[in-house]
Amino acid sequence: MLWTIVVILLVLWLLGAFGGRVFSGFPKTGNWVHILIVIVIILVVLNLLGVI
């Protein structure tokens, strides 16, 4: 379950980071891109430590 959330957040981050270059009509996401990658990193670290 955790890895599914991590993958979804990573895909959303990739779309936010590079979506404007790939799809010209893709909306600008601003700081949400950075928030998503921080959440993904925290979830992965907590999983590796065995907390989650």
C-alpha atoms as a PDB file:
ATOM      1  CA  MET A   1       0.000   0.000   0.000  1.00  0.00           C
ATOM      2  CA  LEU A   2       2.784   2.427   0.898  1.00  0.00           C
ATOM      3  CA  TRP A   3       4.631   1.753  -2.335  1.00  0.00           C
ATOM      4  CA  THR A   4       1.460   2.477  -4.301  1.00  0.00           C
ATOM      5  CA  ILE A   5       1.199   5.880  -2.640  1.00  0.00           C
ATOM      6  CA  VAL A   6       4.892   6.542  -3.269  1.00  0.00           C
ATOM      7  CA  VAL A   7       4.559   5.657  -6.955  1.00  0.00           C
ATOM      8  CA  ILE A   8       1.459   7.841  -7.372  1.00  0.00           C
ATOM      9  CA  LEU A   9       3.156  10.794  -5.691  1.00  0.00           C
ATOM     10  CA  LEU A  10       6.264  10.284  -7.808  1.00  0.00           C
ATOM     11  CA  VAL A  11       4.226  10.238 -11.015  1.00  0.00           C
ATOM     12  CA  LEU A  12       2.395  13.390  -9.946  1.00  0.00           C
ATOM     13  CA  TRP A  13       5.722  15.029  -9.166  1.00  0.00           C
ATOM     14  CA  LEU A  14       7.098  14.086 -12.575  1.00  0.00           C
ATOM     15  CA  LEU A  15       3.995  15.477 -14.266  1.00  0.00           C
ATOM     16  CA  GLY A  16       4.318  18.685 -12.286  1.00  0.00           C
ATOM     17  CA  ALA A  17       8.021  19.040 -12.970  1.00  0.00           C
ATOM     18  CA  PHE A  18       8.037  18.183 -16.669  1.00  0.00           C
ATOM     19  CA  GLY A  19       4.368  18.318 -17.675  1.00  0.00           C
ATOM     20  CA  GLY A  20       4.583  21.893 -18.942  1.00  0.00           C
ATOM     21  CA  ARG A  21       7.379  20.966 -21.333  1.00  0.00           C
ATOM     22  CA  VAL A  22       5.696  17.805 -22.617  1.00  0.00           C
ATOM     23  CA  PHE A  23       2.096  19.055 -22.757  1.00  0.00           C
ATOM     24  CA  SER A  24       1.776  22.757 -23.557  1.00  0.00           C
ATOM     25  CA  GLY A  25      -1.690  23.008 -21.966  1.00  0.00           C
ATOM     26  CA  PHE A  26      -0.619  21.403 -18.661  1.00  0.00           C
ATOM     27  CA  PRO A  27      -1.214  23.771 -15.701  1.00  0.00           C
ATOM     28  CA  LYS A  28       1.646  25.280 -13.726  1.00  0.00           C
ATOM     29  CA  THR A  29       2.034  23.672 -10.317  1.00  0.00           C
ATOM     30  CA  GLY A  30       4.508  25.944  -8.543  1.00  0.00           C
ATOM     31  CA  ASN A  31       5.618  24.785  -5.109  1.00  0.00           C
ATOM     32  CA  TRP A  32       3.408  21.674  -5.132  1.00  0.00           C
ATOM     33  CA  VAL A  33       6.131  19.881  -7.072  1.00  0.00           C
ATOM     34  CA  HIS A  34       8.606  20.335  -4.232  1.00  0.00           C
ATOM     35  CA  ILE A  35       6.069  19.390  -1.572  1.00  0.00           C
ATOM     36  CA  LEU A  36       5.280  16.130  -3.372  1.00  0.00           C
ATOM     37  CA  ILE A  37       8.934  15.097  -3.686  1.00  0.00           C
ATOM     38  CA  VAL A  38       9.554  15.849   0.004  1.00  0.00           C
ATOM     39  CA  ILE A  39       6.556  13.672   0.961  1.00  0.00           C
ATOM     40  CA  VAL A  40       7.851  10.847  -1.234  1.00  0.00           C
ATOM     41  CA  ILE A  41      11.340  11.037   0.282  1.00  0.00           C
ATOM     42  CA  ILE A  42       9.948  11.052   3.835  1.00  0.00           C
ATOM     43  CA  LEU A  43       7.729   8.029   3.132  1.00  0.00           C
ATOM     44  CA  VAL A  44      10.589   6.068   1.595  1.00  0.00           C
ATOM     45  CA  VAL A  45      12.965   6.844   4.481  1.00  0.00           C
ATOM     46  CA  LEU A  46      10.339   5.915   7.086  1.00  0.00           C
ATOM     47  CA  ASN A  47       9.665   2.666   5.256  1.00  0.00           C
ATOM     48  CA  LEU A  48      13.355   1.811   5.086  1.00  0.00           C
ATOM     49  CA  LEU A  49      13.717   2.483   8.809  1.00  0.00           C
ATOM     50  CA  GLY A  50      10.772   0.215   9.495  1.00  0.00           C
ATOM     51  CA  VAL A  51       8.635   2.875  11.118  1.00  0.00           C
ATOM     52  CA  ILE A  52       5.757   2.426   8.666  1.00  0.00           C
END
